N, C-alpha and C. Protein backbone atom coordinates (compact mmCIF):
# COMPACT_ATOMS: atom_id res chain seq x y z
N MET A 1 -12.39 11.21 -12.03
CA MET A 1 -10.87 11.33 -12.11
C MET A 1 -10.34 10.32 -13.00
N ASP A 2 -10.92 9.01 -13.20
CA ASP A 2 -10.36 8.06 -14.10
C ASP A 2 -10.10 8.44 -15.38
N ASN A 3 -10.93 9.31 -16.03
CA ASN A 3 -10.71 9.61 -17.39
C ASN A 3 -9.53 10.51 -17.55
N GLU A 4 -9.13 11.22 -16.60
CA GLU A 4 -7.98 12.09 -16.68
C GLU A 4 -6.65 11.49 -16.37
N ILE A 5 -6.61 10.29 -15.98
CA ILE A 5 -5.43 9.51 -15.53
C ILE A 5 -4.81 8.97 -16.74
N ASN A 6 -3.61 9.47 -17.15
CA ASN A 6 -2.78 8.88 -18.20
C ASN A 6 -1.35 8.50 -17.78
N ARG A 7 -0.55 8.11 -18.62
CA ARG A 7 0.75 7.57 -18.22
C ARG A 7 1.67 8.66 -17.65
N THR A 8 1.36 9.85 -17.88
CA THR A 8 2.20 10.95 -17.29
C THR A 8 1.65 11.60 -16.11
N THR A 9 0.60 11.04 -15.51
CA THR A 9 -0.14 11.46 -14.40
C THR A 9 0.46 10.82 -13.14
N TRP A 10 0.58 11.56 -12.09
CA TRP A 10 1.01 11.13 -10.74
C TRP A 10 -0.21 11.17 -9.90
N ILE A 11 -0.48 10.20 -9.03
CA ILE A 11 -1.61 10.26 -8.12
C ILE A 11 -0.97 10.01 -6.75
N VAL A 12 -1.30 11.01 -5.90
CA VAL A 12 -0.73 10.97 -4.46
C VAL A 12 -1.90 10.81 -3.52
N ILE A 13 -1.82 9.80 -2.72
CA ILE A 13 -2.85 9.58 -1.63
C ILE A 13 -2.11 9.95 -0.31
N TYR A 14 -2.67 11.00 0.31
CA TYR A 14 -2.06 11.37 1.59
C TYR A 14 -2.72 10.78 2.75
N GLY A 15 -2.03 10.53 3.83
CA GLY A 15 -2.61 9.91 5.00
C GLY A 15 -3.26 10.91 5.89
N ILE A 16 -4.14 11.82 5.28
CA ILE A 16 -4.91 12.85 5.99
C ILE A 16 -6.30 12.67 5.44
N THR A 17 -7.22 12.59 6.41
CA THR A 17 -8.69 12.55 5.90
C THR A 17 -9.16 13.93 5.45
N SER A 18 -10.35 13.89 4.85
CA SER A 18 -10.97 15.15 4.38
C SER A 18 -11.24 16.08 5.56
N ASP A 19 -11.33 15.58 6.80
CA ASP A 19 -11.50 16.39 7.87
C ASP A 19 -10.22 16.91 8.54
N GLY A 20 -9.04 16.61 7.83
CA GLY A 20 -7.75 17.10 8.37
C GLY A 20 -7.14 16.20 9.45
N VAL A 21 -7.71 15.01 9.63
CA VAL A 21 -7.26 14.18 10.67
C VAL A 21 -6.20 13.06 10.12
N LYS A 22 -5.18 12.83 10.89
CA LYS A 22 -4.10 11.95 10.45
C LYS A 22 -4.80 10.49 10.49
N PHE A 23 -4.61 9.81 9.41
CA PHE A 23 -5.21 8.41 9.25
C PHE A 23 -4.23 7.39 9.98
N ARG A 24 -4.83 6.47 10.75
CA ARG A 24 -4.28 5.54 11.44
C ARG A 24 -4.58 4.12 11.08
N PRO A 25 -3.75 3.13 11.14
CA PRO A 25 -2.50 3.09 11.82
C PRO A 25 -1.43 3.80 10.79
N SER A 26 -0.28 4.13 11.41
CA SER A 26 0.69 4.84 10.50
C SER A 26 1.24 4.03 9.49
N SER A 27 1.14 2.71 9.61
CA SER A 27 1.61 1.75 8.45
C SER A 27 0.55 1.37 7.51
N TRP A 28 -0.49 2.17 7.39
CA TRP A 28 -1.62 1.81 6.43
C TRP A 28 -1.18 1.71 4.91
N ALA A 29 -0.29 2.57 4.51
CA ALA A 29 0.13 2.57 3.19
C ALA A 29 0.92 1.27 2.84
N GLU A 30 1.86 0.79 3.63
CA GLU A 30 2.53 -0.43 3.49
C GLU A 30 1.49 -1.61 3.52
N MET A 31 0.65 -1.68 4.44
CA MET A 31 -0.32 -2.65 4.59
C MET A 31 -1.25 -2.82 3.41
N LEU A 32 -1.60 -1.63 2.92
CA LEU A 32 -2.59 -1.61 1.78
C LEU A 32 -1.83 -2.20 0.52
N ILE A 33 -0.63 -1.70 0.26
CA ILE A 33 0.14 -2.19 -0.88
C ILE A 33 0.39 -3.70 -0.82
N GLU A 34 0.79 -4.14 0.50
CA GLU A 34 1.10 -5.61 0.62
C GLU A 34 -0.33 -6.37 0.48
N GLY A 35 -1.39 -5.75 0.93
CA GLY A 35 -2.71 -6.42 0.86
C GLY A 35 -3.23 -6.72 -0.51
N VAL A 36 -3.00 -5.84 -1.43
CA VAL A 36 -3.32 -6.07 -2.79
C VAL A 36 -2.30 -6.81 -3.58
N GLY A 37 -1.25 -7.28 -2.97
CA GLY A 37 -0.32 -8.31 -3.60
C GLY A 37 0.73 -7.56 -4.43
N LEU A 38 1.27 -6.41 -4.04
CA LEU A 38 2.12 -5.65 -4.88
C LEU A 38 3.46 -5.52 -4.21
N THR A 39 3.90 -6.47 -3.42
CA THR A 39 5.23 -6.40 -2.68
C THR A 39 5.87 -7.72 -2.90
N SER A 40 7.16 -7.83 -2.72
CA SER A 40 7.88 -9.04 -2.72
C SER A 40 9.15 -8.72 -1.78
N PHE A 41 9.75 -9.87 -1.28
CA PHE A 41 10.97 -9.71 -0.51
C PHE A 41 12.16 -10.01 -1.41
N GLY A 42 13.05 -9.02 -1.35
CA GLY A 42 14.25 -9.22 -2.17
C GLY A 42 15.35 -10.00 -1.49
N ARG A 43 16.48 -10.30 -2.10
CA ARG A 43 17.54 -10.99 -1.46
C ARG A 43 18.14 -10.19 -0.40
N ASP A 44 17.88 -8.97 -0.35
CA ASP A 44 18.38 -8.01 0.76
C ASP A 44 17.49 -8.10 1.97
N HIS A 45 16.44 -8.85 1.90
CA HIS A 45 15.51 -9.13 3.03
C HIS A 45 14.69 -7.82 3.28
N LYS A 46 14.55 -7.10 2.27
CA LYS A 46 13.69 -5.85 2.35
C LYS A 46 12.46 -6.01 1.44
N ILE A 47 11.49 -5.26 1.78
CA ILE A 47 10.18 -5.26 1.03
C ILE A 47 10.52 -4.39 -0.28
N HIS A 48 10.12 -4.97 -1.40
CA HIS A 48 10.16 -4.22 -2.75
C HIS A 48 8.80 -4.16 -3.27
N TYR A 49 8.46 -2.96 -3.79
CA TYR A 49 7.15 -2.76 -4.32
C TYR A 49 7.24 -2.88 -5.91
N THR A 50 6.13 -3.26 -6.39
CA THR A 50 6.02 -3.38 -7.93
C THR A 50 6.33 -2.04 -8.47
N ARG A 51 6.51 -2.05 -9.82
CA ARG A 51 6.84 -0.71 -10.50
C ARG A 51 5.63 0.23 -10.33
N HIS A 52 5.91 1.48 -10.46
CA HIS A 52 4.95 2.57 -10.45
C HIS A 52 4.17 2.87 -9.21
N ILE A 53 4.48 2.32 -8.05
CA ILE A 53 3.82 2.63 -6.77
C ILE A 53 4.89 2.56 -5.71
N TRP A 54 4.79 3.58 -4.81
CA TRP A 54 5.80 3.70 -3.69
C TRP A 54 5.04 4.27 -2.48
N THR A 55 5.47 3.92 -1.28
CA THR A 55 5.07 4.65 -0.19
C THR A 55 5.84 5.92 0.03
N ILE A 56 5.21 6.90 0.67
CA ILE A 56 5.96 8.17 1.00
C ILE A 56 5.63 8.65 2.41
N LEU A 57 6.41 9.51 2.86
CA LEU A 57 6.19 10.15 4.06
C LEU A 57 6.23 11.68 3.88
N THR A 58 5.02 12.37 4.12
CA THR A 58 5.00 13.77 3.97
C THR A 58 4.49 14.40 5.14
N ASN A 59 5.28 15.29 5.71
CA ASN A 59 4.89 16.06 7.00
C ASN A 59 4.58 15.02 8.08
N GLY A 60 5.24 13.92 8.23
CA GLY A 60 5.07 12.93 9.17
C GLY A 60 3.90 12.01 8.93
N ASN A 61 3.27 12.11 7.73
CA ASN A 61 2.18 11.17 7.44
C ASN A 61 2.45 10.33 6.39
N ALA A 62 2.03 9.05 6.50
CA ALA A 62 2.25 8.07 5.46
C ALA A 62 1.41 8.38 4.26
N GLY A 63 1.84 7.92 3.10
CA GLY A 63 1.06 8.07 1.85
C GLY A 63 1.49 7.17 0.75
N ILE A 64 0.86 7.24 -0.29
CA ILE A 64 1.14 6.37 -1.47
C ILE A 64 1.23 7.41 -2.75
N ILE A 65 2.23 7.05 -3.57
CA ILE A 65 2.39 7.70 -4.82
C ILE A 65 2.37 6.74 -5.99
N MET A 66 1.46 7.01 -6.93
CA MET A 66 1.41 6.00 -8.06
C MET A 66 1.58 6.76 -9.42
N ASN A 67 2.27 6.17 -10.28
CA ASN A 67 2.39 6.73 -11.64
C ASN A 67 1.22 6.27 -12.45
N GLY A 68 0.63 7.02 -13.48
CA GLY A 68 -0.38 6.64 -14.31
C GLY A 68 -0.22 5.23 -14.96
N TRP A 69 1.00 4.88 -15.17
CA TRP A 69 1.18 3.57 -15.80
C TRP A 69 0.54 2.46 -14.93
N PHE A 70 0.59 2.65 -13.54
CA PHE A 70 -0.03 1.66 -12.69
C PHE A 70 -1.31 1.31 -12.98
N LYS A 71 -2.18 2.28 -13.26
CA LYS A 71 -3.62 1.98 -13.53
C LYS A 71 -3.69 1.14 -14.77
N HIS A 72 -2.83 1.20 -15.73
CA HIS A 72 -2.96 0.49 -16.90
C HIS A 72 -2.32 -0.99 -16.83
N GLU A 73 -1.35 -1.00 -15.91
CA GLU A 73 -0.69 -2.28 -15.71
C GLU A 73 -1.32 -3.24 -14.62
N GLN A 74 -1.94 -2.52 -13.66
CA GLN A 74 -2.54 -3.20 -12.53
C GLN A 74 -3.93 -2.61 -12.25
N PRO A 75 -4.87 -2.78 -13.22
CA PRO A 75 -6.18 -2.09 -12.96
C PRO A 75 -7.04 -2.48 -11.76
N ILE A 76 -6.96 -3.82 -11.41
CA ILE A 76 -7.68 -4.25 -10.20
C ILE A 76 -7.07 -3.70 -8.90
N ALA A 77 -5.75 -3.82 -8.79
CA ALA A 77 -5.06 -3.25 -7.61
C ALA A 77 -5.33 -1.74 -7.58
N PHE A 78 -5.22 -1.01 -8.73
CA PHE A 78 -5.46 0.39 -8.76
C PHE A 78 -6.87 0.71 -8.26
N ALA A 79 -7.85 0.00 -8.75
CA ALA A 79 -9.19 0.27 -8.35
C ALA A 79 -9.41 -0.03 -6.80
N GLU A 80 -8.74 -1.03 -6.25
CA GLU A 80 -8.87 -1.29 -4.87
C GLU A 80 -8.21 -0.22 -3.95
N ILE A 81 -7.11 0.22 -4.49
CA ILE A 81 -6.40 1.26 -3.64
C ILE A 81 -7.16 2.56 -3.71
N MET A 82 -7.88 2.94 -4.86
CA MET A 82 -8.64 4.09 -4.93
C MET A 82 -9.81 4.04 -4.11
N ARG A 83 -10.48 2.66 -4.12
CA ARG A 83 -11.67 2.51 -3.33
C ARG A 83 -11.39 2.64 -1.89
N PHE A 84 -10.27 2.19 -1.36
CA PHE A 84 -9.82 2.29 0.02
C PHE A 84 -9.68 3.79 0.31
N ALA A 85 -9.06 4.59 -0.55
CA ALA A 85 -8.89 5.96 -0.32
C ALA A 85 -10.21 6.71 -0.21
N ASN A 86 -11.06 6.36 -1.17
CA ASN A 86 -12.41 7.06 -1.14
C ASN A 86 -13.26 6.62 0.05
N ASN A 87 -13.29 5.39 0.39
CA ASN A 87 -14.04 4.89 1.59
C ASN A 87 -13.45 5.51 2.98
N ASN A 88 -12.24 5.74 3.03
CA ASN A 88 -11.65 6.34 4.16
C ASN A 88 -11.42 7.81 4.10
N ARG A 89 -12.03 8.54 3.10
CA ARG A 89 -11.99 9.87 2.89
C ARG A 89 -10.59 10.48 2.88
N LEU A 90 -9.67 9.73 2.35
CA LEU A 90 -8.24 10.29 2.29
C LEU A 90 -8.00 11.24 1.21
N THR A 91 -7.16 12.27 1.40
CA THR A 91 -6.90 13.29 0.52
C THR A 91 -6.11 12.65 -0.77
N VAL A 92 -6.67 12.88 -1.91
CA VAL A 92 -6.03 12.35 -3.12
C VAL A 92 -5.92 13.54 -4.12
N ASN A 93 -4.62 13.70 -4.59
CA ASN A 93 -4.31 14.72 -5.63
C ASN A 93 -3.67 14.10 -6.86
N THR A 94 -4.01 14.70 -8.03
CA THR A 94 -3.37 14.18 -9.23
C THR A 94 -2.48 15.35 -9.84
N TYR A 95 -1.41 15.04 -10.34
CA TYR A 95 -0.41 15.91 -10.90
C TYR A 95 -0.04 15.39 -12.30
N ASN A 96 -0.02 16.31 -13.22
CA ASN A 96 0.40 15.89 -14.62
C ASN A 96 1.83 16.17 -14.94
N ASN A 97 2.45 15.29 -15.67
CA ASN A 97 3.78 15.35 -16.22
C ASN A 97 4.82 15.20 -15.19
N THR A 98 4.98 16.12 -14.24
CA THR A 98 6.08 15.90 -13.27
C THR A 98 5.49 16.20 -11.84
N ILE A 99 6.32 15.63 -10.87
CA ILE A 99 6.05 15.89 -9.45
C ILE A 99 7.40 15.97 -8.80
N ALA A 100 7.53 16.94 -7.90
CA ALA A 100 8.75 17.00 -7.12
C ALA A 100 8.49 16.59 -5.82
N LEU A 101 9.26 15.57 -5.34
CA LEU A 101 9.30 15.10 -4.01
C LEU A 101 10.37 15.65 -3.13
N LEU A 102 10.10 16.28 -2.06
CA LEU A 102 11.14 16.91 -1.19
C LEU A 102 11.29 16.17 0.03
């Protein structure tokens, strides 16, 4: 998958395992992004994520969405997040050019 990720690619990690089971704990996405050092607290006392990565909620399941730029700007963090997804058999999809979030 690494060779096909470019700056117009979107990578979505869903909180569902390859067996179709909801991944727990439900805050895994926030904890993972914080764990690799990609958050800060703003003046509004809310967590802010670094550019090109966000948490999402789809069908009641936590997830992460990353833009392809993230791989190039934060290669170590990107590799760690992908390793986590692979080790935990999370569903990962890539989309090119555009993605619609509903």
